[in-house]
Amino acid sequence: MSNNNAAVVEIAQTAGQFTSSIVLQAENKYIDVKSILGLFTTLVSHQSYELHVHGPDADEAKKAMIDVFNKHGLNVNVVAE
């Protein structure tokens, strides 16, 4: 994983570009991806995450979020709902 601080900031900034709700599930915790503080307390490189995206621009948001997670070496799966 690249620099954790850079990953957190870029993930939150990317999520902030969308109106859709973007929630990261890490085990039993649910974190609003637009919350930098929530991400700082949750992201670790060796964990797998699930991403829940709902809203009018969900398709674009899913693609952008997958790209930014992959860029930083974070394992994420988008949950189809």
Protein backbone atom coordinates (compact mmCIF):
# COMPACT_ATOMS: atom_id res chain seq x y z
CA MET A 1 0.00 0.00 0.00
CA SER A 2 1.24 3.48 -0.76
CA ASN A 3 1.32 6.24 1.83
CA ASN A 4 -1.79 5.75 4.01
CA ASN A 5 -2.38 9.49 4.44
CA ALA A 6 -2.32 10.04 0.68
CA ALA A 7 -4.73 7.13 0.17
CA VAL A 8 -7.19 8.46 2.76
CA VAL A 9 -7.18 11.97 1.33
CA GLU A 10 -7.51 10.82 -2.28
CA ILE A 11 -10.31 8.36 -1.48
CA ALA A 12 -12.28 11.02 0.42
CA GLN A 13 -11.72 13.62 -2.32
CA THR A 14 -12.79 11.19 -5.03
CA ALA A 15 -15.93 10.22 -3.11
CA GLY A 16 -16.73 13.90 -2.55
CA GLN A 17 -17.11 14.40 -6.31
CA PHE A 18 -20.28 12.30 -6.31
CA THR A 19 -23.75 12.85 -4.89
CA SER A 20 -24.21 9.12 -4.30
CA SER A 21 -23.89 7.66 -0.82
CA ILE A 22 -20.60 5.74 -0.63
CA VAL A 23 -20.14 3.52 2.42
CA LEU A 24 -17.16 1.29 3.18
CA GLN A 25 -17.78 -1.90 5.11
CA ALA A 26 -14.80 -3.27 7.03
CA GLU A 27 -15.82 -6.31 9.02
CA ASN A 28 -18.65 -5.01 11.25
CA LYS A 29 -17.94 -1.29 10.77
CA TYR A 30 -19.62 0.98 8.22
CA ILE A 31 -17.75 4.17 7.32
CA ASP A 32 -18.87 7.10 5.16
CA VAL A 33 -16.07 7.24 2.57
CA LYS A 34 -16.41 11.03 2.42
CA SER A 35 -15.26 11.17 6.07
CA ILE A 36 -11.48 11.54 6.30
CA LEU A 37 -11.54 10.78 10.03
CA GLY A 38 -13.53 7.60 9.49
CA LEU A 39 -11.10 6.44 6.83
CA PHE A 40 -8.03 7.16 8.99
CA THR A 41 -9.40 4.86 11.69
CA THR A 42 -10.36 2.09 9.25
CA LEU A 43 -7.94 1.69 6.34
CA VAL A 44 -5.19 -0.89 6.63
CA SER A 45 -3.49 -2.52 3.68
CA HIS A 46 -4.05 -6.17 4.59
CA GLN A 47 -7.80 -6.00 4.91
CA SER A 48 -10.51 -6.57 2.32
CA TYR A 49 -13.33 -4.05 2.08
CA GLU A 50 -16.82 -3.92 0.66
CA LEU A 51 -18.14 -0.75 -0.92
CA HIS A 52 -21.86 0.10 -0.97
CA VAL A 53 -22.79 2.84 -3.47
CA HIS A 54 -26.31 4.22 -3.93
CA GLY A 55 -27.47 7.28 -5.81
CA PRO A 56 -27.95 8.99 -9.15
CA ASP A 57 -24.29 8.77 -10.19
CA ALA A 58 -23.58 5.38 -8.62
CA ASP A 59 -22.11 3.78 -11.76
CA GLU A 60 -19.54 6.55 -12.21
CA ALA A 61 -18.80 6.59 -8.48
CA LYS A 62 -18.19 2.83 -8.37
CA LYS A 63 -15.67 3.00 -11.21
CA ALA A 64 -13.82 5.96 -9.71
CA MET A 65 -13.70 4.39 -6.25
CA ILE A 66 -12.41 1.06 -7.57
CA ASP A 67 -9.69 2.93 -9.48
CA VAL A 68 -8.53 4.93 -6.43
CA PHE A 69 -8.58 1.91 -4.10
CA ASN A 70 -6.55 -0.11 -6.62
CA LYS A 71 -4.12 2.77 -7.12
CA HIS A 72 -3.28 2.58 -3.41
CA GLY A 73 -3.11 -1.22 -3.24
CA LEU A 74 -6.32 -1.61 -1.25
CA ASN A 75 -8.56 -4.63 -1.84
CA VAL A 76 -12.18 -3.55 -2.38
CA ASN A 77 -15.27 -5.27 -3.74
CA VAL A 78 -18.34 -3.32 -4.81
CA VAL A 79 -21.51 -4.91 -3.44
CA ALA A 80 -24.26 -5.24 -6.03
CA GLU A 81 -27.56 -4.29 -4.47
